[in-house]
């Protein structure tokens, strides 16, 4: 589920041209990026780091600062470490931080939940990847992104994807029937 959701989030960021920074941890020792995630950004070389707290890596923090944006959407493999540490540090540097809770996972449900609570207390805003998609799209009349968003929902949206496929089928059937 987390792999599906993080790839859905990545594809959504790509549809909206949101700057996306990928990182690995000591890739030469096996800390590779999820293949499906790398496939979304095939030309991007992830920043390989050794710091547990991503924000402490000057290359990562510099890449974020270079975007000029003050809102950061974060997801990470381990909620209690790879998400919480940089989220809290970014909040301390006056960034607005949105943590994508269903595109991140802890070593246990309790670890994930406690980390989310900790980040919320520090000021982070919890959000799901599909909510990010909805907030960025805002209006189905935004035709320049609607088709891309629809494709992401169909592929990664679970029940929302099923509902969209059903609506598309109804529209296609209705158009053929002249209704």
C-alpha atoms as a PDB file:
ATOM      1  CA  UNK A   1       0.000   0.000   0.000  1.00  0.00           C
ATOM      2  CA  UNK A   2       2.793   2.441   0.888  1.00  0.00           C
ATOM      3  CA  UNK A   3       4.603   1.733  -2.389  1.00  0.00           C
ATOM      4  CA  UNK A   4       1.372   2.311  -4.354  1.00  0.00           C
ATOM      5  CA  UNK A   5       0.708   5.540  -2.473  1.00  0.00           C
ATOM      6  CA  UNK A   6       4.200   7.018  -2.743  1.00  0.00           C
ATOM      7  CA  UNK A   7       4.269   6.292  -6.468  1.00  0.00           C
ATOM      8  CA  UNK A   8       0.801   7.871  -6.809  1.00  0.00           C
ATOM      9  CA  UNK A   9       2.100  10.926  -4.940  1.00  0.00           C
ATOM     10  CA  UNK A  10       5.174  11.107  -7.175  1.00  0.00           C
ATOM     11  CA  UNK A  11       3.091  10.867 -10.342  1.00  0.00           C
ATOM     12  CA  UNK A  12       0.812  13.591  -9.008  1.00  0.00           C
ATOM     13  CA  UNK A  13       3.811  15.851  -8.352  1.00  0.00           C
ATOM     14  CA  UNK A  14       4.972  15.204 -11.902  1.00  0.00           C
ATOM     15  CA  UNK A  15       1.548  16.129 -13.365  1.00  0.00           C
ATOM     16  CA  UNK A  16       1.730  19.476 -11.543  1.00  0.00           C
ATOM     17  CA  UNK A  17       5.457  20.065 -12.173  1.00  0.00           C
ATOM     18  CA  UNK A  18       6.126  20.205  -8.442  1.00  0.00           C
ATOM     19  CA  UNK A  19       9.861  20.091  -7.733  1.00  0.00           C
ATOM     20  CA  UNK A  20      10.574  16.628  -6.349  1.00  0.00           C
ATOM     21  CA  UNK A  21      13.724  15.589  -4.546  1.00  0.00           C
ATOM     22  CA  UNK A  22      14.559  11.908  -4.247  1.00  0.00           C
ATOM     23  CA  UNK A  23      17.099  10.592  -1.756  1.00  0.00           C
ATOM     24  CA  UNK A  24      18.738   7.286  -0.991  1.00  0.00           C
ATOM     25  CA  UNK A  25      20.766   6.211   2.018  1.00  0.00           C
ATOM     26  CA  UNK A  26      24.177   4.737   1.252  1.00  0.00           C
ATOM     27  CA  UNK A  27      23.052   3.241  -2.045  1.00  0.00           C
ATOM     28  CA  UNK A  28      26.321   1.363  -2.446  1.00  0.00           C
ATOM     29  CA  UNK A  29      25.341  -0.653   0.637  1.00  0.00           C
ATOM     30  CA  UNK A  30      21.881  -1.448  -0.682  1.00  0.00           C
ATOM     31  CA  UNK A  31      19.885   1.655   0.258  1.00  0.00           C
ATOM     32  CA  UNK A  32      18.329   1.959  -3.188  1.00  0.00           C
ATOM     33  CA  UNK A  33      15.212   3.847  -4.153  1.00  0.00           C
ATOM     34  CA  UNK A  34      11.973   1.956  -4.769  1.00  0.00           C
ATOM     35  CA  UNK A  35      12.138   1.035  -8.460  1.00  0.00           C
ATOM     36  CA  UNK A  36       8.650   2.254  -9.292  1.00  0.00           C
ATOM     37  CA  UNK A  37       9.466   5.620  -7.748  1.00  0.00           C
ATOM     38  CA  UNK A  38      12.646   5.957  -9.790  1.00  0.00           C
ATOM     39  CA  UNK A  39      10.594   5.070 -12.884  1.00  0.00           C
ATOM     40  CA  UNK A  40       8.478   8.216 -12.372  1.00  0.00           C
ATOM     41  CA  UNK A  41      11.618  10.354 -12.560  1.00  0.00           C
ATOM     42  CA  UNK A  42      13.952   8.236 -14.728  1.00  0.00           C
ATOM     43  CA  UNK A  43      16.381  11.080 -15.433  1.00  0.00           C
ATOM     44  CA  UNK A  44      16.716  12.220 -11.836  1.00  0.00           C
ATOM     45  CA  UNK A  45      19.658  10.909  -9.867  1.00  0.00           C
ATOM     46  CA  UNK A  46      18.637  10.625  -6.193  1.00  0.00           C
ATOM     47  CA  UNK A  47      20.806  12.463  -3.696  1.00  0.00           C
ATOM     48  CA  UNK A  48      22.688   9.742  -1.856  1.00  0.00           C
ATOM     49  CA  UNK A  49      23.140  10.616   1.788  1.00  0.00           C
ATOM     50  CA  UNK A  50      24.454   9.131   4.998  1.00  0.00           C
ATOM     51  CA  UNK A  51      22.611  11.344   7.483  1.00  0.00           C
ATOM     52  CA  UNK A  52      19.639   9.752   9.218  1.00  0.00           C
ATOM     53  CA  UNK A  53      17.998  13.181   9.238  1.00  0.00           C
ATOM     54  CA  UNK A  54      17.713  14.065   5.546  1.00  0.00           C
ATOM     55  CA  UNK A  55      17.549  17.777   6.331  1.00  0.00           C
ATOM     56  CA  UNK A  56      21.060  17.634   7.799  1.00  0.00           C
ATOM     57  CA  UNK A  57      22.486  16.733   4.397  1.00  0.00           C
ATOM     58  CA  UNK A  58      23.581  20.038   2.834  1.00  0.00           C
ATOM     59  CA  UNK A  59      22.809  18.745  -0.671  1.00  0.00           C
ATOM     60  CA  UNK A  60      19.214  17.912   0.255  1.00  0.00           C
ATOM     61  CA  UNK A  61      18.538  21.090   2.232  1.00  0.00           C
ATOM     62  CA  UNK A  62      20.211  23.090  -0.534  1.00  0.00           C
ATOM     63  CA  UNK A  63      18.031  21.453  -3.190  1.00  0.00           C
ATOM     64  CA  UNK A  64      14.909  22.358  -1.209  1.00  0.00           C
ATOM     65  CA  UNK A  65      16.073  25.929  -0.677  1.00  0.00           C
ATOM     66  CA  UNK A  66      16.947  26.240  -4.367  1.00  0.00           C
ATOM     67  CA  UNK A  67      13.274  25.667  -5.294  1.00  0.00           C
ATOM     68  CA  UNK A  68      12.387  28.897  -3.490  1.00  0.00           C
ATOM     69  CA  UNK A  69       9.276  27.293  -2.060  1.00  0.00           C
ATOM     70  CA  UNK A  70       8.278  27.576   1.599  1.00  0.00           C
ATOM     71  CA  UNK A  71       5.792  24.700   1.589  1.00  0.00           C
ATOM     72  CA  UNK A  72       7.255  21.212   1.694  1.00  0.00           C
ATOM     73  CA  UNK A  73       5.378  17.962   1.133  1.00  0.00           C
ATOM     74  CA  UNK A  74       7.259  15.043   2.673  1.00  0.00           C
ATOM     75  CA  UNK A  75       6.948  11.273   2.536  1.00  0.00           C
ATOM     76  CA  UNK A  76       9.502   8.737   3.728  1.00  0.00           C
ATOM     77  CA  UNK A  77      10.064   5.062   4.193  1.00  0.00           C
ATOM     78  CA  UNK A  78      10.289   5.242   8.005  1.00  0.00           C
ATOM     79  CA  UNK A  79       7.855   7.700   9.545  1.00  0.00           C
ATOM     80  CA  UNK A  80       9.550   7.865  12.935  1.00  0.00           C
ATOM     81  CA  UNK A  81      12.991   8.616  11.502  1.00  0.00           C
ATOM     82  CA  UNK A  82      13.170   9.566   7.823  1.00  0.00           C
ATOM     83  CA  UNK A  83       9.984  11.630   7.964  1.00  0.00           C
ATOM     84  CA  UNK A  84       9.871  12.998  11.517  1.00  0.00           C
ATOM     85  CA  UNK A  85      13.426  14.269  11.742  1.00  0.00           C
ATOM     86  CA  UNK A  86      13.473  16.417   8.583  1.00  0.00           C
ATOM     87  CA  UNK A  87       9.866  17.517   9.080  1.00  0.00           C
ATOM     88  CA  UNK A  88      10.579  18.860  12.553  1.00  0.00           C
ATOM     89  CA  UNK A  89      13.818  20.528  11.455  1.00  0.00           C
ATOM     90  CA  UNK A  90      12.119  22.142   8.424  1.00  0.00           C
ATOM     91  CA  UNK A  91       9.359  23.431  10.725  1.00  0.00           C
ATOM     92  CA  UNK A  92      12.098  24.944  12.896  1.00  0.00           C
ATOM     93  CA  UNK A  93      13.317  26.796   9.814  1.00  0.00           C
ATOM     94  CA  UNK A  94       9.821  28.235   9.200  1.00  0.00           C
ATOM     95  CA  UNK A  95       8.762  25.947   6.365  1.00  0.00           C
ATOM     96  CA  UNK A  96       5.135  24.874   6.121  1.00  0.00           C
ATOM     97  CA  UNK A  97       5.388  21.088   6.270  1.00  0.00           C
ATOM     98  CA  UNK A  98       2.794  18.641   5.010  1.00  0.00           C
ATOM     99  CA  UNK A  99       3.432  15.005   5.922  1.00  0.00           C
ATOM    100  CA  UNK A 100       1.888  12.422   3.638  1.00  0.00           C
ATOM    101  CA  UNK A 101       0.909   9.817   6.202  1.00  0.00           C
ATOM    102  CA  UNK A 102      -0.294   7.088   3.858  1.00  0.00           C
ATOM    103  CA  UNK A 103       2.831   7.335   1.677  1.00  0.00           C
ATOM    104  CA  UNK A 104       5.089   6.768   4.689  1.00  0.00           C
ATOM    105  CA  UNK A 105       5.361   3.860   7.076  1.00  0.00           C
ATOM    106  CA  UNK A 106       6.861   3.015  10.415  1.00  0.00           C
ATOM    107  CA  UNK A 107       8.291  -0.233  11.678  1.00  0.00           C
ATOM    108  CA  UNK A 108       4.944  -0.751  13.417  1.00  0.00           C
ATOM    109  CA  UNK A 109       1.527   0.887  13.491  1.00  0.00           C
ATOM    110  CA  UNK A 110       2.366   2.361  16.892  1.00  0.00           C
ATOM    111  CA  UNK A 111       5.695   3.757  15.661  1.00  0.00           C
ATOM    112  CA  UNK A 112       3.964   5.394  12.695  1.00  0.00           C
ATOM    113  CA  UNK A 113       1.146   6.820  14.830  1.00  0.00           C
ATOM    114  CA  UNK A 114       3.476   8.184  17.517  1.00  0.00           C
ATOM    115  CA  UNK A 115       5.680   9.830  14.888  1.00  0.00           C
ATOM    116  CA  UNK A 116       2.665  11.463  13.226  1.00  0.00           C
ATOM    117  CA  UNK A 117       1.487  12.757  16.599  1.00  0.00           C
ATOM    118  CA  UNK A 118       4.956  14.129  17.334  1.00  0.00           C
ATOM    119  CA  UNK A 119       5.101  15.957  14.000  1.00  0.00           C
ATOM    120  CA  UNK A 120       1.580  17.354  14.394  1.00  0.00           C
ATOM    121  CA  UNK A 121       2.511  18.707  17.835  1.00  0.00           C
ATOM    122  CA  UNK A 122       5.489  20.406  16.198  1.00  0.00           C
ATOM    123  CA  UNK A 123       3.200  22.002  13.600  1.00  0.00           C
ATOM    124  CA  UNK A 124       3.213  19.643  10.622  1.00  0.00           C
ATOM    125  CA  UNK A 125      -0.013  19.116   8.703  1.00  0.00           C
ATOM    126  CA  UNK A 126      -0.929  15.462   8.126  1.00  0.00           C
ATOM    127  CA  UNK A 127      -2.448  14.697   4.738  1.00  0.00           C
ATOM    128  CA  UNK A 128      -2.987  11.693   2.470  1.00  0.00           C
ATOM    129  CA  UNK A 129      -1.605  11.440  -1.050  1.00  0.00           C
ATOM    130  CA  UNK A 130      -5.079  11.533  -2.608  1.00  0.00           C
ATOM    131  CA  UNK A 131      -5.908  14.672  -0.610  1.00  0.00           C
ATOM    132  CA  UNK A 132      -2.720  16.270  -1.985  1.00  0.00           C
ATOM    133  CA  UNK A 133      -3.920  15.379  -5.487  1.00  0.00           C
ATOM    134  CA  UNK A 134      -7.339  16.914  -4.813  1.00  0.00           C
ATOM    135  CA  UNK A 135      -5.915  20.095  -3.333  1.00  0.00           C
ATOM    136  CA  UNK A 136      -3.550  20.582  -6.258  1.00  0.00           C
ATOM    137  CA  UNK A 137      -6.266  19.895  -8.872  1.00  0.00           C
ATOM    138  CA  UNK A 138      -9.035  21.835  -7.050  1.00  0.00           C
ATOM    139  CA  UNK A 139     -11.334  21.923 -10.077  1.00  0.00           C
ATOM    140  CA  UNK A 140     -12.033  19.300 -12.767  1.00  0.00           C
ATOM    141  CA  UNK A 141     -12.343  22.199 -15.225  1.00  0.00           C
ATOM    142  CA  UNK A 142      -8.546  22.636 -14.998  1.00  0.00           C
ATOM    143  CA  UNK A 143      -8.137  20.727 -18.218  1.00  0.00           C
ATOM    144  CA  UNK A 144      -4.362  21.079 -18.428  1.00  0.00           C
ATOM    145  CA  UNK A 145      -3.957  18.644 -15.520  1.00  0.00           C
ATOM    146  CA  UNK A 146      -7.297  16.795 -15.355  1.00  0.00           C
ATOM    147  CA  UNK A 147      -6.323  13.969 -17.717  1.00  0.00           C
ATOM    148  CA  UNK A 148      -3.015  13.366 -15.939  1.00  0.00           C
ATOM    149  CA  UNK A 149      -4.703  13.411 -12.545  1.00  0.00           C
ATOM    150  CA  UNK A 150      -7.398  11.056 -13.827  1.00  0.00           C
ATOM    151  CA  UNK A 151      -4.728   8.616 -14.995  1.00  0.00           C
ATOM    152  CA  UNK A 152      -3.038   8.664 -11.587  1.00  0.00           C
ATOM    153  CA  UNK A 153      -6.365   8.059  -9.830  1.00  0.00           C
ATOM    154  CA  UNK A 154      -7.224   5.191 -12.172  1.00  0.00           C
ATOM    155  CA  UNK A 155      -3.861   3.526 -11.604  1.00  0.00           C
ATOM    156  CA  UNK A 156      -3.272   4.203  -7.895  1.00  0.00           C
ATOM    157  CA  UNK A 157      -6.556   5.470  -6.418  1.00  0.00           C
ATOM    158  CA  UNK A 158      -8.084   2.220  -5.192  1.00  0.00           C
ATOM    159  CA  UNK A 159     -11.831   2.693  -4.702  1.00  0.00           C
ATOM    160  CA  UNK A 160     -11.592   6.259  -6.031  1.00  0.00           C
ATOM    161  CA  UNK A 161     -10.061   4.841  -9.211  1.00  0.00           C
ATOM    162  CA  UNK A 162     -12.876   2.318  -9.506  1.00  0.00           C
ATOM    163  CA  UNK A 163     -15.474   5.086  -9.076  1.00  0.00           C
ATOM    164  CA  UNK A 164     -13.762   7.239 -11.703  1.00  0.00           C
ATOM    165  CA  UNK A 165     -13.603   4.320 -14.149  1.00  0.00           C
ATOM    166  CA  UNK A 166     -17.334   3.724 -13.578  1.00  0.00           C
ATOM    167  CA  UNK A 167     -18.152   7.389 -14.221  1.00  0.00           C
ATOM    168  CA  UNK A 168     -16.043   7.385 -17.376  1.00  0.00           C
ATOM    169  CA  UNK A 169     -17.844   4.265 -18.580  1.00  0.00           C
ATOM    170  CA  UNK A 170     -21.227   5.882 -17.903  1.00  0.00           C
ATOM    171  CA  UNK A 171     -20.206   9.012 -19.781  1.00  0.00           C
ATOM    172  CA  UNK A 172     -18.970   6.976 -22.732  1.00  0.00           C
ATOM    173  CA  UNK A 173     -22.122   4.827 -22.780  1.00  0.00           C
ATOM    174  CA  UNK A 174     -24.372   7.867 -22.415  1.00  0.00           C
ATOM    175  CA  UNK A 175     -22.594   9.671 -25.233  1.00  0.00           C
ATOM    176  CA  UNK A 176     -23.069   6.667 -27.543  1.00  0.00           C
ATOM    177  CA  UNK A 177     -26.727   6.355 -26.619  1.00  0.00           C
ATOM    178  CA  UNK A 178     -27.271  10.053 -27.275  1.00  0.00           C
ATOM    179  CA  UNK A 179     -28.300  10.833 -23.705  1.00  0.00           C
END
